[in-house]
């Protein structure tokens, strides 16, 4: 009689198939330091594809405040604004920054893992870096900040 329950092999195959079906698409390239789109020599906005488009999405998601802009879904962006103003100890704030950043970046199906956080305080602002991995095992290091405005 055939087994009525799925085997580990079927689960692994379905996970591999799901990874292959994730669409990476394209994105406009943006200079986050200058606050402007990157232009080509012909005056067109430069594009990125694949891993670069995903990294652009991650950077922008960490810079966008959640619930503030109607154009974005309720799952897009972060909630750092009130965190720095709280009277919580810095160690707790760092843990919350990590949690919020992971939650923000894992909302995208291209993201497989967010880890290796490092925080640096400058005055009342916390700057952090983390390593992101996508479903194709490609990694990148990105920066974020929680600033007391």
N, C-alpha and C. Protein backbone atom coordinates (compact mmCIF):
# COMPACT_ATOMS: atom_id res chain seq x y z
N UNK A 1 0.83 -1.18 0.00
CA UNK A 1 0.00 0.00 0.00
C UNK A 1 0.88 1.24 0.00
N UNK A 2 0.49 2.24 -0.76
CA UNK A 2 1.27 3.48 -0.87
C UNK A 2 1.18 4.28 0.43
N UNK A 3 2.24 5.02 0.72
CA UNK A 3 2.30 5.86 1.90
C UNK A 3 1.37 7.07 1.72
N UNK A 4 0.48 7.31 2.67
CA UNK A 4 -0.47 8.42 2.58
C UNK A 4 0.13 9.76 2.98
N UNK A 5 1.31 9.75 3.58
CA UNK A 5 1.92 10.98 4.05
C UNK A 5 3.12 11.34 3.17
N UNK A 6 3.36 12.63 2.96
CA UNK A 6 4.48 13.03 2.10
C UNK A 6 5.82 12.64 2.72
N UNK A 7 6.78 12.41 1.87
CA UNK A 7 8.12 12.09 2.34
C UNK A 7 8.97 13.33 2.34
N UNK A 8 10.14 13.26 3.00
CA UNK A 8 11.06 14.40 3.03
C UNK A 8 11.49 14.79 1.63
N UNK A 9 11.62 13.82 0.74
CA UNK A 9 12.03 14.10 -0.62
C UNK A 9 11.05 15.04 -1.31
N UNK A 10 9.77 14.81 -1.13
CA UNK A 10 8.77 15.68 -1.74
C UNK A 10 8.83 17.08 -1.17
N UNK A 11 9.08 17.21 0.12
CA UNK A 11 9.18 18.53 0.74
C UNK A 11 10.39 19.27 0.18
N UNK A 12 11.54 18.59 0.07
CA UNK A 12 12.74 19.22 -0.48
C UNK A 12 12.52 19.65 -1.92
N UNK A 13 11.88 18.81 -2.72
CA UNK A 13 11.62 19.16 -4.12
C UNK A 13 10.71 20.37 -4.23
N UNK A 14 9.68 20.44 -3.38
CA UNK A 14 8.77 21.58 -3.45
C UNK A 14 9.47 22.86 -3.01
N UNK A 15 10.39 22.78 -2.03
CA UNK A 15 11.14 23.97 -1.61
C UNK A 15 12.06 24.44 -2.72
N UNK A 16 12.74 23.53 -3.41
CA UNK A 16 13.61 23.90 -4.52
C UNK A 16 12.80 24.52 -5.65
N UNK A 17 11.64 23.98 -5.92
CA UNK A 17 10.78 24.50 -6.97
C UNK A 17 10.29 25.90 -6.61
N UNK A 18 9.95 26.13 -5.34
CA UNK A 18 9.50 27.45 -4.90
C UNK A 18 10.62 28.48 -5.04
N UNK A 19 11.87 28.08 -4.73
CA UNK A 19 13.00 28.99 -4.88
C UNK A 19 13.19 29.40 -6.33
N UNK A 20 13.00 28.46 -7.25
CA UNK A 20 13.17 28.76 -8.66
C UNK A 20 12.08 29.70 -9.18
N UNK A 21 10.90 29.67 -8.57
CA UNK A 21 9.78 30.45 -9.03
C UNK A 21 9.79 31.89 -8.52
N UNK A 22 10.67 32.24 -7.59
CA UNK A 22 10.74 33.60 -7.06
C UNK A 22 11.27 34.51 -8.16
N UNK A 23 10.52 35.57 -8.43
CA UNK A 23 10.87 36.51 -9.49
C UNK A 23 11.68 37.66 -8.92
N UNK A 24 12.85 37.93 -9.46
CA UNK A 24 13.70 38.99 -8.95
C UNK A 24 13.46 40.33 -9.66
N UNK A 25 13.10 40.31 -10.91
CA UNK A 25 12.71 41.53 -11.60
C UNK A 25 13.80 42.58 -11.75
N UNK A 26 13.33 43.81 -11.99
CA UNK A 26 14.23 44.95 -12.20
C UNK A 26 13.88 46.07 -11.23
N UNK A 27 14.79 47.01 -11.10
CA UNK A 27 14.57 48.16 -10.25
C UNK A 27 15.34 49.35 -10.82
N UNK A 28 14.89 50.54 -10.46
CA UNK A 28 15.65 51.73 -10.80
C UNK A 28 16.79 51.84 -9.80
N UNK A 29 17.96 52.25 -10.25
CA UNK A 29 19.10 52.42 -9.34
C UNK A 29 19.00 53.78 -8.67
N UNK A 30 19.30 53.81 -7.40
CA UNK A 30 19.14 55.01 -6.61
C UNK A 30 20.39 55.25 -5.78
N UNK A 31 20.87 56.49 -5.74
CA UNK A 31 22.00 56.88 -4.90
C UNK A 31 21.42 57.33 -3.57
N UNK A 32 21.48 56.48 -2.57
CA UNK A 32 20.85 56.77 -1.29
C UNK A 32 21.56 57.89 -0.54
N UNK A 33 22.85 58.09 -0.79
CA UNK A 33 23.58 59.18 -0.13
C UNK A 33 23.17 60.54 -0.71
N UNK A 34 23.07 60.61 -2.03
CA UNK A 34 22.71 61.87 -2.69
C UNK A 34 21.20 62.10 -2.73
N UNK A 35 20.42 61.02 -2.58
CA UNK A 35 18.97 61.15 -2.63
C UNK A 35 18.45 61.35 -4.04
N UNK A 36 19.16 60.79 -5.02
CA UNK A 36 18.77 60.96 -6.43
C UNK A 36 18.89 59.64 -7.17
N UNK A 37 18.12 59.53 -8.26
CA UNK A 37 18.26 58.37 -9.13
C UNK A 37 19.59 58.47 -9.87
N UNK A 38 20.19 57.33 -10.16
CA UNK A 38 21.44 57.28 -10.91
C UNK A 38 21.09 57.32 -12.39
N UNK A 39 21.74 58.20 -13.10
CA UNK A 39 21.46 58.39 -14.53
C UNK A 39 22.56 57.75 -15.38
N UNK A 40 22.17 57.28 -16.55
CA UNK A 40 23.14 56.75 -17.53
C UNK A 40 23.70 57.94 -18.30
N UNK A 41 24.78 57.74 -19.06
CA UNK A 41 25.32 58.84 -19.87
C UNK A 41 24.32 59.40 -20.89
N UNK A 42 23.30 58.62 -21.25
CA UNK A 42 22.30 59.09 -22.21
C UNK A 42 21.12 59.78 -21.55
N UNK A 43 21.17 59.96 -20.23
CA UNK A 43 20.12 60.67 -19.53
C UNK A 43 18.97 59.78 -19.06
N UNK A 44 19.09 58.48 -19.21
CA UNK A 44 18.06 57.55 -18.75
C UNK A 44 18.34 57.17 -17.28
N UNK A 45 17.31 56.79 -16.57
CA UNK A 45 17.51 56.30 -15.21
C UNK A 45 18.11 54.89 -15.31
N UNK A 46 19.21 54.67 -14.61
CA UNK A 46 19.89 53.37 -14.65
C UNK A 46 19.03 52.31 -13.99
N UNK A 47 19.13 51.10 -14.49
CA UNK A 47 18.35 49.97 -13.96
C UNK A 47 19.28 48.94 -13.34
N UNK A 48 18.71 48.17 -12.44
CA UNK A 48 19.43 47.03 -11.89
C UNK A 48 18.52 45.82 -12.04
N UNK A 49 19.13 44.64 -12.11
CA UNK A 49 18.38 43.40 -12.27
C UNK A 49 18.89 42.36 -11.29
N UNK A 50 18.07 41.35 -11.06
CA UNK A 50 18.47 40.21 -10.24
C UNK A 50 18.84 40.60 -8.83
N UNK A 51 20.03 40.19 -8.41
CA UNK A 51 20.49 40.44 -7.04
C UNK A 51 20.54 41.93 -6.74
N UNK A 52 21.03 42.73 -7.69
CA UNK A 52 21.13 44.18 -7.46
C UNK A 52 19.76 44.81 -7.22
N UNK A 53 18.74 44.36 -7.94
CA UNK A 53 17.38 44.89 -7.75
C UNK A 53 16.87 44.52 -6.36
N UNK A 54 17.14 43.32 -5.92
CA UNK A 54 16.73 42.88 -4.59
C UNK A 54 17.43 43.69 -3.51
N UNK A 55 18.73 43.93 -3.65
CA UNK A 55 19.47 44.73 -2.67
C UNK A 55 18.92 46.16 -2.63
N UNK A 56 18.59 46.73 -3.79
CA UNK A 56 17.97 48.06 -3.83
C UNK A 56 16.67 48.06 -3.04
N UNK A 57 15.86 47.02 -3.21
CA UNK A 57 14.60 46.91 -2.48
C UNK A 57 14.86 46.87 -0.98
N UNK A 58 15.83 46.08 -0.55
CA UNK A 58 16.15 45.96 0.87
C UNK A 58 16.58 47.29 1.47
N UNK A 59 17.46 48.00 0.78
CA UNK A 59 17.91 49.31 1.27
C UNK A 59 16.74 50.28 1.41
N UNK A 60 15.90 50.32 0.39
CA UNK A 60 14.77 51.24 0.42
C UNK A 60 13.78 50.86 1.51
N UNK A 61 13.53 49.59 1.71
CA UNK A 61 12.60 49.14 2.76
C UNK A 61 13.08 49.56 4.14
N UNK A 62 14.41 49.52 4.38
CA UNK A 62 14.95 49.92 5.67
C UNK A 62 14.94 51.44 5.87
N UNK A 63 14.79 52.19 4.80
CA UNK A 63 14.72 53.65 4.90
C UNK A 63 13.30 54.19 4.96
N UNK A 64 12.32 53.36 4.62
CA UNK A 64 10.93 53.80 4.53
C UNK A 64 10.18 53.49 5.81
N UNK A 65 9.54 54.51 6.37
CA UNK A 65 8.76 54.31 7.58
C UNK A 65 7.44 53.63 7.23
N UNK A 66 7.14 52.57 7.95
CA UNK A 66 5.91 51.82 7.72
C UNK A 66 4.68 52.66 8.07
N UNK A 67 3.62 52.47 7.32
CA UNK A 67 2.30 53.11 7.51
C UNK A 67 2.29 54.60 7.18
N UNK A 68 3.39 55.19 6.77
CA UNK A 68 3.44 56.64 6.54
C UNK A 68 3.03 57.01 5.12
N UNK A 69 3.27 56.14 4.16
CA UNK A 69 3.01 56.44 2.75
C UNK A 69 1.95 55.49 2.21
N UNK A 70 0.86 56.03 1.72
CA UNK A 70 -0.25 55.22 1.23
C UNK A 70 0.11 54.36 0.03
N UNK A 71 1.13 54.74 -0.71
CA UNK A 71 1.51 54.00 -1.91
C UNK A 71 2.05 52.60 -1.58
N UNK A 72 2.56 52.41 -0.36
CA UNK A 72 3.13 51.13 0.04
C UNK A 72 2.12 50.30 0.83
N UNK A 73 2.25 48.97 0.73
CA UNK A 73 1.38 48.08 1.51
C UNK A 73 1.73 48.20 2.99
N UNK A 74 0.90 47.65 3.84
CA UNK A 74 1.13 47.70 5.28
C UNK A 74 2.30 46.80 5.70
N UNK A 75 2.77 45.96 4.80
CA UNK A 75 3.90 45.07 5.10
C UNK A 75 5.25 45.68 4.71
N UNK A 76 5.23 46.88 4.13
CA UNK A 76 6.46 47.47 3.60
C UNK A 76 6.99 48.54 4.53
N UNK A 77 8.27 48.48 4.82
CA UNK A 77 8.92 49.50 5.61
C UNK A 77 9.21 49.05 7.03
N UNK A 78 9.78 49.97 7.80
CA UNK A 78 10.21 49.68 9.17
C UNK A 78 9.53 50.62 10.15
N UNK A 79 9.72 50.34 11.44
CA UNK A 79 9.10 51.12 12.51
C UNK A 79 10.13 51.56 13.54
N UNK A 80 11.21 52.19 13.07
CA UNK A 80 12.27 52.62 13.97
C UNK A 80 11.98 53.94 14.68
N UNK A 81 11.12 54.77 14.13
CA UNK A 81 10.97 56.15 14.59
C UNK A 81 10.73 56.28 16.09
N UNK A 82 9.78 55.58 16.62
CA UNK A 82 9.46 55.69 18.05
C UNK A 82 10.45 54.94 18.93
N UNK A 83 11.17 54.03 18.35
CA UNK A 83 12.07 53.18 19.13
C UNK A 83 13.18 53.98 19.81
N UNK A 84 13.83 54.86 19.09
CA UNK A 84 14.96 55.62 19.64
C UNK A 84 14.48 56.58 20.74
N UNK A 85 13.30 57.13 20.58
CA UNK A 85 12.77 58.07 21.57
C UNK A 85 12.32 57.39 22.86
N UNK A 86 12.21 56.09 22.83
CA UNK A 86 11.76 55.38 24.03
C UNK A 86 12.85 55.45 25.10
N UNK A 87 12.47 55.17 26.31
CA UNK A 87 13.43 55.22 27.41
C UNK A 87 14.06 53.85 27.67
N UNK A 88 14.01 52.99 26.67
CA UNK A 88 14.58 51.64 26.81
C UNK A 88 16.10 51.70 26.81
N UNK A 89 16.75 50.75 27.48
CA UNK A 89 18.22 50.68 27.44
C UNK A 89 18.70 50.41 26.00
N UNK A 90 19.90 50.83 25.70
CA UNK A 90 20.44 50.67 24.35
C UNK A 90 20.49 49.21 23.92
N UNK A 91 20.77 48.30 24.82
CA UNK A 91 20.83 46.89 24.45
C UNK A 91 19.46 46.40 23.98
N UNK A 92 18.40 46.87 24.61
CA UNK A 92 17.04 46.48 24.21
C UNK A 92 16.70 47.12 22.86
N UNK A 93 17.10 48.38 22.69
CA UNK A 93 16.85 49.06 21.41
C UNK A 93 17.55 48.32 20.28
N UNK A 94 18.77 47.87 20.50
CA UNK A 94 19.51 47.12 19.48
C UNK A 94 18.79 45.81 19.14
N UNK A 95 18.26 45.12 20.14
CA UNK A 95 17.51 43.89 19.88
C UNK A 95 16.25 44.19 19.06
N UNK A 96 15.58 45.28 19.36
CA UNK A 96 14.38 45.66 18.62
C UNK A 96 14.71 46.08 17.19
N UNK A 97 15.82 46.78 17.01
CA UNK A 97 16.26 47.14 15.66
C UNK A 97 16.48 45.87 14.85
N UNK A 98 17.15 44.91 15.44
CA UNK A 98 17.40 43.63 14.76
C UNK A 98 16.07 42.95 14.39
N UNK A 99 15.14 42.88 15.34
CA UNK A 99 13.84 42.24 15.09
C UNK A 99 13.08 42.96 13.98
N UNK A 100 13.03 44.27 14.05
CA UNK A 100 12.28 45.04 13.05
C UNK A 100 12.93 44.91 11.67
N UNK A 101 14.25 44.97 11.62
CA UNK A 101 14.95 44.84 10.33
C UNK A 101 14.70 43.46 9.72
N UNK A 102 14.77 42.42 10.53
CA UNK A 102 14.51 41.06 10.02
C UNK A 102 13.08 40.96 9.52
N UNK A 103 12.13 41.46 10.30
CA UNK A 103 10.72 41.42 9.90
C UNK A 103 10.50 42.18 8.60
N UNK A 104 11.13 43.34 8.48
CA UNK A 104 10.98 44.16 7.27
C UNK A 104 11.52 43.44 6.05
N UNK A 105 12.73 42.91 6.14
CA UNK A 105 13.39 42.32 4.98
C UNK A 105 12.84 40.93 4.64
N UNK A 106 12.37 40.19 5.63
CA UNK A 106 11.84 38.86 5.36
C UNK A 106 10.44 38.90 4.75
N UNK A 107 9.83 40.08 4.68
CA UNK A 107 8.51 40.19 4.04
C UNK A 107 8.61 39.99 2.52
N UNK A 108 9.81 40.08 1.98
CA UNK A 108 10.03 39.86 0.55
C UNK A 108 10.39 38.39 0.32
N UNK A 109 9.69 37.71 -0.59
CA UNK A 109 9.96 36.28 -0.80
C UNK A 109 11.36 35.99 -1.35
N UNK A 110 12.06 37.01 -1.84
CA UNK A 110 13.43 36.81 -2.32
C UNK A 110 14.42 36.65 -1.18
N UNK A 111 14.08 37.16 -0.01
CA UNK A 111 14.99 37.14 1.13
C UNK A 111 14.88 35.82 1.87
N UNK A 112 16.03 35.18 2.07
CA UNK A 112 16.08 33.90 2.79
C UNK A 112 16.56 34.07 4.22
N UNK A 113 17.47 35.04 4.46
CA UNK A 113 18.04 35.17 5.80
C UNK A 113 18.59 36.58 5.99
N UNK A 114 18.49 37.07 7.23
CA UNK A 114 19.07 38.34 7.63
C UNK A 114 19.80 38.08 8.94
N UNK A 115 21.12 38.33 8.95
CA UNK A 115 21.88 38.05 10.17
C UNK A 115 23.15 38.88 10.23
N UNK A 116 24.02 38.55 11.15
CA UNK A 116 25.32 39.21 11.39
C UNK A 116 25.16 40.73 11.56
N UNK A 117 24.38 41.09 12.55
CA UNK A 117 24.14 42.50 12.85
C UNK A 117 25.30 43.09 13.63
N UNK A 118 25.61 44.35 13.34
CA UNK A 118 26.58 45.12 14.12
C UNK A 118 25.99 46.51 14.28
N UNK A 119 25.97 47.00 15.52
CA UNK A 119 25.39 48.31 15.81
C UNK A 119 26.47 49.27 16.28
N UNK A 120 26.31 50.54 15.92
CA UNK A 120 27.22 51.60 16.37
C UNK A 120 26.37 52.81 16.74
N UNK A 121 26.56 53.31 17.93
CA UNK A 121 25.81 54.48 18.40
C UNK A 121 26.63 55.73 18.14
N UNK A 122 25.97 56.72 17.59
CA UNK A 122 26.55 58.07 17.41
C UNK A 122 25.56 59.04 18.02
N UNK A 123 25.88 59.49 19.22
CA UNK A 123 24.94 60.34 19.95
C UNK A 123 23.71 59.52 20.30
N UNK A 124 22.54 60.01 19.90
CA UNK A 124 21.29 59.32 20.18
C UNK A 124 20.81 58.49 18.98
N UNK A 125 21.65 58.30 17.99
CA UNK A 125 21.28 57.56 16.79
C UNK A 125 22.04 56.24 16.73
N UNK A 126 21.37 55.20 16.26
CA UNK A 126 21.99 53.88 16.14
C UNK A 126 22.11 53.51 14.66
N UNK A 127 23.32 53.29 14.20
CA UNK A 127 23.59 52.86 12.83
C UNK A 127 23.94 51.38 12.89
N UNK A 128 23.45 50.62 11.92
CA UNK A 128 23.71 49.19 11.95
C UNK A 128 24.02 48.67 10.55
N UNK A 129 24.69 47.54 10.53
CA UNK A 129 24.91 46.79 9.29
C UNK A 129 24.42 45.38 9.53
N UNK A 130 24.02 44.73 8.45
CA UNK A 130 23.63 43.33 8.53
C UNK A 130 23.92 42.67 7.19
N UNK A 131 23.95 41.37 7.20
CA UNK A 131 24.18 40.60 5.98
C UNK A 131 22.85 39.97 5.58
N UNK A 132 22.49 40.17 4.32
CA UNK A 132 21.25 39.60 3.80
C UNK A 132 21.60 38.50 2.81
N UNK A 133 20.78 37.46 2.78
CA UNK A 133 20.95 36.35 1.85
C UNK A 133 19.64 36.13 1.13
N UNK A 134 19.72 35.86 -0.16
CA UNK A 134 18.49 35.59 -0.91
C UNK A 134 18.32 34.10 -1.15
N UNK A 135 17.24 33.74 -1.82
CA UNK A 135 16.93 32.32 -2.04
C UNK A 135 17.91 31.63 -2.98
N UNK A 136 18.77 32.40 -3.66
CA UNK A 136 19.80 31.83 -4.53
C UNK A 136 21.15 31.77 -3.84
N UNK A 137 21.16 31.94 -2.51
CA UNK A 137 22.38 31.93 -1.69
C UNK A 137 23.35 33.03 -2.04
N UNK A 138 22.86 34.14 -2.57
CA UNK A 138 23.68 35.32 -2.81
C UNK A 138 23.56 36.22 -1.59
N UNK A 139 24.67 36.86 -1.20
CA UNK A 139 24.65 37.69 -0.01
C UNK A 139 25.10 39.11 -0.33
N UNK A 140 24.75 40.01 0.57
CA UNK A 140 25.18 41.40 0.48
C UNK A 140 25.15 41.98 1.88
N UNK A 141 25.99 42.97 2.12
CA UNK A 141 25.95 43.69 3.39
C UNK A 141 25.25 45.02 3.15
N UNK A 142 24.29 45.33 4.01
CA UNK A 142 23.59 46.59 3.87
C UNK A 142 23.61 47.35 5.19
N UNK A 143 23.36 48.64 5.10
CA UNK A 143 23.38 49.50 6.28
C UNK A 143 21.99 50.08 6.52
N UNK A 144 21.72 50.37 7.77
CA UNK A 144 20.48 51.02 8.15
C UNK A 144 20.72 51.90 9.34
N UNK A 145 19.70 52.66 9.73
CA UNK A 145 19.86 53.55 10.86
C UNK A 145 18.53 53.79 11.55
N UNK A 146 18.61 54.00 12.83
CA UNK A 146 17.46 54.43 13.62
C UNK A 146 17.90 55.73 14.26
N UNK A 147 17.37 56.84 13.76
CA UNK A 147 17.84 58.16 14.14
C UNK A 147 16.81 58.86 15.00
N UNK A 148 17.25 59.52 16.05
CA UNK A 148 16.36 60.32 16.88
C UNK A 148 16.18 61.68 16.21
N UNK A 149 15.00 61.86 15.63
CA UNK A 149 14.71 63.10 14.89
C UNK A 149 14.21 64.16 15.83
